[in-house]
């Protein structure tokens, strides 16, 4: 943008900046994009939108812990490098930060390759009836 009444910028300076910007090679531009945090966040957002629990490979590992911290069954359990979590919770944390739930940096390829789904836990049995009180 050019605001001629706010700060005077010479046409030669604008032309020099334009030439510098347009003179960058595609490879250098891609390198710059690959280090820009907002570009990386958008890349994670698009990757997360494409991930579906049903489409993940099923893990061969047997895992007994498929409950969240409140004791409720995880509806979309996944395992990433040995850590069980909800896919939705993992992605909610990973997209803005680039970190998994152990605060380990994970790129898009690393997360997608390492992620496997676990079968959902069996339904919880109904609570046992309360014992009758004798009167």
N, C-alpha and C. Protein backbone atom coordinates (compact mmCIF):
# COMPACT_ATOMS: atom_id res chain seq x y z
N UNK A 1 0.84 -1.17 0.00
CA UNK A 1 0.00 0.00 0.00
C UNK A 1 0.88 1.24 0.00
N UNK A 2 0.37 2.23 -0.58
CA UNK A 2 1.12 3.48 -0.71
C UNK A 2 0.25 4.60 -0.16
N UNK A 3 0.71 5.26 0.91
CA UNK A 3 -0.01 6.37 1.52
C UNK A 3 0.81 7.64 1.31
N UNK A 4 0.59 8.33 0.22
CA UNK A 4 1.44 9.47 -0.12
C UNK A 4 1.33 10.64 0.86
N UNK A 5 0.23 10.73 1.60
CA UNK A 5 0.08 11.85 2.52
C UNK A 5 0.58 11.53 3.93
N UNK A 6 0.89 10.30 4.21
CA UNK A 6 1.31 9.91 5.56
C UNK A 6 2.83 9.97 5.68
N UNK A 7 3.51 9.20 4.91
CA UNK A 7 4.97 9.21 4.87
C UNK A 7 5.37 9.25 3.40
N UNK A 8 6.27 10.11 3.10
CA UNK A 8 6.70 10.19 1.70
C UNK A 8 7.72 9.08 1.41
N UNK A 9 7.35 8.21 0.49
CA UNK A 9 8.24 7.15 0.04
C UNK A 9 8.53 7.41 -1.43
N UNK A 10 9.77 7.44 -1.74
CA UNK A 10 10.17 7.74 -3.12
C UNK A 10 9.78 6.58 -4.03
N UNK A 11 9.41 6.92 -5.24
CA UNK A 11 9.05 5.89 -6.22
C UNK A 11 10.20 4.92 -6.47
N UNK A 12 11.42 5.39 -6.40
CA UNK A 12 12.58 4.52 -6.59
C UNK A 12 12.67 3.48 -5.48
N UNK A 13 12.32 3.86 -4.23
CA UNK A 13 12.35 2.91 -3.11
C UNK A 13 11.27 1.84 -3.28
N UNK A 14 10.11 2.26 -3.73
CA UNK A 14 9.03 1.29 -3.96
C UNK A 14 9.42 0.34 -5.09
N UNK A 15 9.98 0.86 -6.13
CA UNK A 15 10.39 0.03 -7.25
C UNK A 15 11.49 -0.95 -6.85
N UNK A 16 12.41 -0.50 -6.00
CA UNK A 16 13.49 -1.38 -5.52
C UNK A 16 12.91 -2.51 -4.67
N UNK A 17 11.95 -2.20 -3.81
CA UNK A 17 11.31 -3.23 -2.97
C UNK A 17 10.55 -4.22 -3.85
N UNK A 18 9.87 -3.72 -4.86
CA UNK A 18 9.13 -4.58 -5.78
C UNK A 18 10.08 -5.51 -6.52
N UNK A 19 11.17 -4.99 -6.99
CA UNK A 19 12.16 -5.80 -7.72
C UNK A 19 12.75 -6.88 -6.81
N UNK A 20 13.03 -6.51 -5.54
CA UNK A 20 13.56 -7.50 -4.58
C UNK A 20 12.56 -8.63 -4.36
N UNK A 21 11.28 -8.26 -4.15
CA UNK A 21 10.24 -9.27 -3.88
C UNK A 21 10.04 -10.19 -5.08
N UNK A 22 10.02 -9.62 -6.26
CA UNK A 22 9.80 -10.44 -7.45
C UNK A 22 11.05 -11.19 -7.90
N UNK A 23 12.20 -10.81 -7.36
CA UNK A 23 13.45 -11.46 -7.75
C UNK A 23 13.76 -12.72 -6.97
N UNK A 24 12.95 -13.05 -6.00
CA UNK A 24 13.19 -14.25 -5.19
C UNK A 24 12.80 -15.48 -6.01
N UNK A 25 13.63 -16.50 -5.98
CA UNK A 25 13.33 -17.73 -6.72
C UNK A 25 12.18 -18.48 -6.04
N UNK A 26 11.54 -19.35 -6.80
CA UNK A 26 10.44 -20.15 -6.25
C UNK A 26 10.93 -21.02 -5.10
N UNK A 27 12.13 -21.55 -5.22
CA UNK A 27 12.69 -22.41 -4.16
C UNK A 27 12.88 -21.61 -2.87
N UNK A 28 13.40 -20.40 -2.97
CA UNK A 28 13.58 -19.57 -1.78
C UNK A 28 12.24 -19.15 -1.19
N UNK A 29 11.25 -18.89 -2.05
CA UNK A 29 9.92 -18.54 -1.58
C UNK A 29 9.30 -19.72 -0.83
N UNK A 30 9.43 -20.94 -1.38
CA UNK A 30 8.92 -22.13 -0.71
C UNK A 30 9.63 -22.36 0.63
N UNK A 31 10.93 -22.09 0.66
CA UNK A 31 11.70 -22.21 1.90
C UNK A 31 11.17 -21.23 2.94
N UNK A 32 10.88 -20.01 2.50
CA UNK A 32 10.35 -19.00 3.41
C UNK A 32 8.97 -19.41 3.92
N UNK A 33 8.11 -19.89 3.02
CA UNK A 33 6.78 -20.33 3.46
C UNK A 33 6.89 -21.46 4.48
N UNK A 34 7.84 -22.38 4.27
CA UNK A 34 8.01 -23.51 5.17
C UNK A 34 8.49 -23.14 6.55
N UNK A 35 8.94 -21.91 6.74
CA UNK A 35 9.36 -21.48 8.07
C UNK A 35 8.41 -20.45 8.67
N UNK A 36 7.36 -20.09 7.94
CA UNK A 36 6.39 -19.09 8.43
C UNK A 36 5.35 -19.79 9.28
N UNK A 37 5.22 -19.42 10.54
CA UNK A 37 4.35 -20.13 11.48
C UNK A 37 2.89 -20.15 11.04
N UNK A 38 2.40 -19.08 10.46
CA UNK A 38 0.99 -19.06 10.03
C UNK A 38 0.76 -20.01 8.85
N UNK A 39 1.73 -20.13 7.98
CA UNK A 39 1.63 -21.07 6.85
C UNK A 39 1.61 -22.50 7.39
N UNK A 40 2.46 -22.78 8.36
CA UNK A 40 2.52 -24.12 8.95
C UNK A 40 1.22 -24.44 9.70
N UNK A 41 0.66 -23.45 10.40
CA UNK A 41 -0.61 -23.66 11.11
C UNK A 41 -1.72 -23.97 10.11
N UNK A 42 -1.76 -23.23 9.00
CA UNK A 42 -2.77 -23.49 7.98
C UNK A 42 -2.59 -24.87 7.37
N UNK A 43 -1.35 -25.29 7.18
CA UNK A 43 -1.06 -26.63 6.67
C UNK A 43 -1.60 -27.69 7.64
N UNK A 44 -1.39 -27.46 8.95
CA UNK A 44 -1.91 -28.40 9.96
C UNK A 44 -3.44 -28.40 9.96
N UNK A 45 -4.05 -27.22 9.82
CA UNK A 45 -5.51 -27.12 9.80
C UNK A 45 -6.09 -27.91 8.63
N UNK A 46 -5.50 -27.77 7.47
CA UNK A 46 -5.98 -28.50 6.30
C UNK A 46 -5.77 -30.00 6.45
N UNK A 47 -4.64 -30.41 7.02
CA UNK A 47 -4.39 -31.84 7.25
C UNK A 47 -5.39 -32.40 8.26
N UNK A 48 -5.67 -31.64 9.32
CA UNK A 48 -6.62 -32.10 10.34
C UNK A 48 -8.02 -32.24 9.76
N UNK A 49 -8.41 -31.31 8.89
CA UNK A 49 -9.74 -31.38 8.28
C UNK A 49 -9.89 -32.62 7.41
N UNK A 50 -8.79 -33.10 6.85
CA UNK A 50 -8.84 -34.27 5.97
C UNK A 50 -8.76 -35.59 6.75
N UNK A 51 -8.36 -35.54 8.03
CA UNK A 51 -8.23 -36.77 8.82
C UNK A 51 -9.59 -37.25 9.31
N UNK A 52 -9.86 -38.52 9.11
CA UNK A 52 -11.07 -39.13 9.65
C UNK A 52 -10.66 -40.37 10.44
N UNK A 53 -11.23 -40.52 11.62
CA UNK A 53 -10.89 -41.65 12.49
C UNK A 53 -11.12 -42.97 11.76
N UNK A 54 -12.22 -43.08 11.04
CA UNK A 54 -12.56 -44.32 10.35
C UNK A 54 -11.54 -44.69 9.27
N UNK A 55 -10.86 -43.71 8.72
CA UNK A 55 -9.91 -43.95 7.63
C UNK A 55 -8.50 -44.31 8.12
N UNK A 56 -8.23 -44.15 9.40
CA UNK A 56 -6.89 -44.46 9.93
C UNK A 56 -6.69 -45.96 9.98
N UNK A 57 -5.45 -46.41 9.84
CA UNK A 57 -5.13 -47.83 10.02
C UNK A 57 -5.38 -48.20 11.46
N UNK A 58 -5.88 -49.41 11.68
CA UNK A 58 -6.12 -49.86 13.05
C UNK A 58 -4.81 -50.35 13.66
N UNK A 59 -4.57 -49.97 14.88
CA UNK A 59 -3.36 -50.36 15.57
C UNK A 59 -3.42 -51.84 15.95
N UNK A 60 -2.33 -52.57 15.77
CA UNK A 60 -2.30 -53.97 16.21
C UNK A 60 -2.09 -54.09 17.72
N UNK A 61 -1.73 -52.99 18.36
CA UNK A 61 -1.45 -53.03 19.80
C UNK A 61 -2.73 -53.19 20.59
N UNK A 62 -2.65 -53.97 21.64
CA UNK A 62 -3.77 -54.10 22.58
C UNK A 62 -3.56 -53.07 23.67
N UNK A 63 -4.56 -52.26 23.87
CA UNK A 63 -4.47 -51.18 24.85
C UNK A 63 -5.67 -51.29 25.76
N UNK A 64 -5.45 -51.32 27.05
CA UNK A 64 -6.57 -51.44 27.98
C UNK A 64 -7.12 -50.07 28.38
N UNK A 65 -6.29 -49.04 28.36
CA UNK A 65 -6.72 -47.72 28.82
C UNK A 65 -7.31 -46.93 27.67
N UNK A 66 -8.63 -46.89 27.59
CA UNK A 66 -9.29 -46.10 26.55
C UNK A 66 -10.35 -45.21 27.17
N UNK A 67 -10.04 -44.69 28.35
CA UNK A 67 -10.94 -43.77 29.04
C UNK A 67 -10.26 -42.42 29.16
N UNK A 68 -11.05 -41.36 29.18
CA UNK A 68 -10.46 -40.04 29.35
C UNK A 68 -10.20 -39.77 30.84
N UNK A 69 -9.77 -38.59 31.16
CA UNK A 69 -9.41 -38.28 32.54
C UNK A 69 -10.59 -38.29 33.49
N UNK A 70 -11.81 -38.18 32.96
CA UNK A 70 -13.00 -38.22 33.82
C UNK A 70 -13.57 -39.63 33.93
N UNK A 71 -12.93 -40.61 33.27
CA UNK A 71 -13.40 -41.99 33.34
C UNK A 71 -14.41 -42.34 32.26
N UNK A 72 -14.68 -41.42 31.35
CA UNK A 72 -15.61 -41.68 30.26
C UNK A 72 -14.87 -42.34 29.10
N UNK A 73 -15.53 -43.25 28.39
CA UNK A 73 -14.88 -43.87 27.22
C UNK A 73 -14.54 -42.82 26.16
N UNK A 74 -13.39 -42.98 25.53
CA UNK A 74 -12.98 -42.10 24.43
C UNK A 74 -13.71 -42.60 23.18
N UNK A 75 -14.46 -41.72 22.54
CA UNK A 75 -15.25 -42.11 21.38
C UNK A 75 -14.44 -42.29 20.11
N UNK A 76 -13.28 -41.61 20.03
CA UNK A 76 -12.44 -41.68 18.83
C UNK A 76 -11.00 -41.95 19.24
N UNK A 77 -10.73 -43.10 19.89
CA UNK A 77 -9.39 -43.35 20.42
C UNK A 77 -8.36 -43.58 19.32
N UNK A 78 -7.21 -42.92 19.50
CA UNK A 78 -6.07 -43.10 18.60
C UNK A 78 -4.83 -43.31 19.45
N UNK A 79 -3.80 -43.85 18.83
CA UNK A 79 -2.51 -44.00 19.49
C UNK A 79 -1.46 -43.35 18.60
N UNK A 80 -0.62 -42.54 19.22
CA UNK A 80 0.46 -41.86 18.53
C UNK A 80 1.71 -42.03 19.37
N UNK A 81 2.67 -42.79 18.85
CA UNK A 81 3.94 -43.03 19.53
C UNK A 81 3.72 -43.51 20.98
N UNK A 82 2.75 -44.43 21.15
CA UNK A 82 2.52 -45.04 22.45
C UNK A 82 1.56 -44.31 23.35
N UNK A 83 1.06 -43.14 22.96
CA UNK A 83 0.15 -42.37 23.80
C UNK A 83 -1.26 -42.46 23.23
N UNK A 84 -2.19 -42.89 24.08
CA UNK A 84 -3.59 -43.00 23.69
C UNK A 84 -4.29 -41.67 23.98
N UNK A 85 -5.09 -41.22 23.02
CA UNK A 85 -5.85 -39.99 23.23
C UNK A 85 -7.05 -39.99 22.30
N UNK A 86 -7.87 -38.99 22.44
CA UNK A 86 -8.97 -38.76 21.52
C UNK A 86 -8.42 -38.05 20.30
N UNK A 87 -8.84 -38.47 19.11
CA UNK A 87 -8.38 -37.81 17.89
C UNK A 87 -8.78 -36.33 17.92
N UNK A 88 -10.01 -36.04 18.33
CA UNK A 88 -10.47 -34.65 18.36
C UNK A 88 -9.63 -33.82 19.34
N UNK A 89 -9.35 -34.36 20.52
CA UNK A 89 -8.53 -33.62 21.50
C UNK A 89 -7.12 -33.39 20.97
N UNK A 90 -6.55 -34.41 20.36
CA UNK A 90 -5.19 -34.29 19.80
C UNK A 90 -5.14 -33.20 18.74
N UNK A 91 -6.08 -33.24 17.81
CA UNK A 91 -6.08 -32.25 16.72
C UNK A 91 -6.37 -30.85 17.24
N UNK A 92 -7.25 -30.74 18.24
CA UNK A 92 -7.57 -29.43 18.81
C UNK A 92 -6.32 -28.78 19.40
N UNK A 93 -5.42 -29.57 19.94
CA UNK A 93 -4.17 -29.06 20.52
C UNK A 93 -3.10 -28.87 19.45
N UNK A 94 -3.02 -29.82 18.52
CA UNK A 94 -1.94 -29.83 17.53
C UNK A 94 -2.06 -28.73 16.48
N UNK A 95 -3.27 -28.45 16.01
CA UNK A 95 -3.43 -27.46 14.92
C UNK A 95 -2.83 -26.11 15.31
N UNK A 96 -3.19 -25.50 16.43
CA UNK A 96 -2.62 -24.18 16.72
C UNK A 96 -1.17 -24.20 17.20
N UNK A 97 -0.73 -25.33 17.76
CA UNK A 97 0.60 -25.34 18.39
C UNK A 97 1.66 -26.13 17.63
N UNK A 98 1.25 -27.13 16.87
CA UNK A 98 2.22 -28.02 16.23
C UNK A 98 2.78 -29.05 17.19
N UNK A 99 2.19 -29.15 18.38
CA UNK A 99 2.66 -30.08 19.42
C UNK A 99 1.61 -31.15 19.66
N UNK A 100 2.07 -32.39 19.96
CA UNK A 100 1.12 -33.41 20.35
C UNK A 100 0.75 -33.20 21.82
N UNK A 101 -0.01 -34.11 22.40
CA UNK A 101 -0.47 -33.92 23.78
C UNK A 101 0.64 -34.13 24.81
N UNK A 102 1.81 -34.59 24.37
CA UNK A 102 2.99 -34.66 25.24
C UNK A 102 3.90 -33.46 25.01
N UNK A 103 3.41 -32.47 24.25
CA UNK A 103 4.16 -31.27 23.88
C UNK A 103 5.42 -31.58 23.08
N UNK A 104 5.33 -32.62 22.25
CA UNK A 104 6.41 -32.97 21.33
C UNK A 104 6.06 -32.37 19.97
N UNK A 105 6.98 -31.63 19.35
CA UNK A 105 6.67 -31.07 18.03
C UNK A 105 6.40 -32.18 17.01
N UNK A 106 5.34 -32.01 16.24
CA UNK A 106 4.96 -32.98 15.20
C UNK A 106 4.60 -32.23 13.93
N UNK A 107 5.31 -32.53 12.85
CA UNK A 107 4.94 -31.99 11.55
C UNK A 107 3.77 -32.78 11.00
N UNK A 108 3.23 -32.31 9.90
CA UNK A 108 2.06 -32.96 9.30
C UNK A 108 2.38 -34.41 8.95
N UNK A 109 3.48 -34.65 8.24
CA UNK A 109 3.82 -36.01 7.83
C UNK A 109 4.06 -36.92 9.03
N UNK A 110 4.74 -36.41 10.04
CA UNK A 110 5.04 -37.18 11.24
C UNK A 110 3.75 -37.58 11.96
N UNK A 111 2.83 -36.65 12.09
CA UNK A 111 1.58 -36.96 12.78
C UNK A 111 0.75 -37.96 11.97
N UNK A 112 0.58 -37.71 10.70
CA UNK A 112 -0.27 -38.57 9.88
C UNK A 112 0.31 -39.99 9.79
N UNK A 113 1.62 -40.12 9.61
CA UNK A 113 2.24 -41.45 9.52
C UNK A 113 2.17 -42.21 10.85
N UNK A 114 2.28 -41.51 11.96
CA UNK A 114 2.34 -42.18 13.25
C UNK A 114 0.99 -42.45 13.90
N UNK A 115 -0.07 -41.93 13.34
CA UNK A 115 -1.39 -42.02 13.97
C UNK A 115 -2.11 -43.30 13.56
N UNK A 116 -2.63 -44.04 14.55
CA UNK A 116 -3.42 -45.24 14.28
C UNK A 116 -4.65 -45.20 15.17
N UNK A 117 -5.74 -45.75 14.66
CA UNK A 117 -6.96 -45.77 15.47
C UNK A 117 -6.99 -47.03 16.33
N UNK A 118 -7.65 -46.90 17.44
CA UNK A 118 -7.91 -48.04 18.31
C UNK A 118 -9.39 -48.34 18.23
N UNK A 119 -9.77 -49.60 18.38
CA UNK A 119 -11.21 -49.86 18.40
C UNK A 119 -11.82 -49.17 19.61
N UNK A 120 -13.04 -48.67 19.48
CA UNK A 120 -13.65 -48.01 20.64
C UNK A 120 -13.83 -49.02 21.77
N UNK A 121 -13.83 -48.54 22.99
CA UNK A 121 -14.00 -49.47 24.12
C UNK A 121 -15.40 -50.06 24.11
N UNK A 122 -15.55 -51.25 24.69
CA UNK A 122 -16.89 -51.82 24.78
C UNK A 122 -17.74 -50.94 25.69
N UNK A 123 -19.05 -50.99 25.52
CA UNK A 123 -19.91 -50.16 26.37
C UNK A 123 -19.74 -50.54 27.84
N UNK A 124 -19.87 -49.55 28.68
CA UNK A 124 -19.79 -49.81 30.12
C UNK A 124 -21.01 -50.60 30.56
N UNK A 125 -20.84 -51.54 31.49
CA UNK A 125 -22.01 -52.29 31.97
C UNK A 125 -22.92 -51.36 32.76
N UNK A 126 -24.21 -51.68 32.79
CA UNK A 126 -25.11 -50.84 33.57
C UNK A 126 -24.76 -50.93 35.05
N UNK A 127 -25.03 -49.88 35.79
CA UNK A 127 -24.71 -49.93 37.22
C UNK A 127 -25.52 -51.01 37.92
N UNK A 128 -24.92 -51.61 38.92
CA UNK A 128 -25.60 -52.65 39.69
C UNK A 128 -26.75 -52.01 40.48
N UNK A 129 -27.83 -52.73 40.61
CA UNK A 129 -28.96 -52.16 41.38
C UNK A 129 -28.55 -52.01 42.85
N UNK A 130 -29.12 -51.02 43.46
CA UNK A 130 -28.83 -50.80 44.90
C UNK A 130 -29.49 -51.91 45.70
N UNK A 131 -28.82 -52.36 46.75
CA UNK A 131 -29.42 -53.43 47.57
C UNK A 131 -30.70 -52.92 48.25
N UNK A 132 -31.63 -53.82 48.36
CA UNK A 132 -32.92 -53.47 49.00
C UNK A 132 -32.68 -53.32 50.51
N UNK A 133 -33.40 -52.40 51.09
CA UNK A 133 -33.30 -52.17 52.53
C UNK A 133 -34.41 -52.96 53.23
N UNK A 134 -34.07 -53.70 54.25
CA UNK A 134 -35.08 -54.44 55.03
C UNK A 134 -35.68 -53.51 56.04
N UNK A 135 -37.01 -53.56 56.20
CA UNK A 135 -37.68 -52.71 57.20
C UNK A 135 -38.34 -53.56 58.21
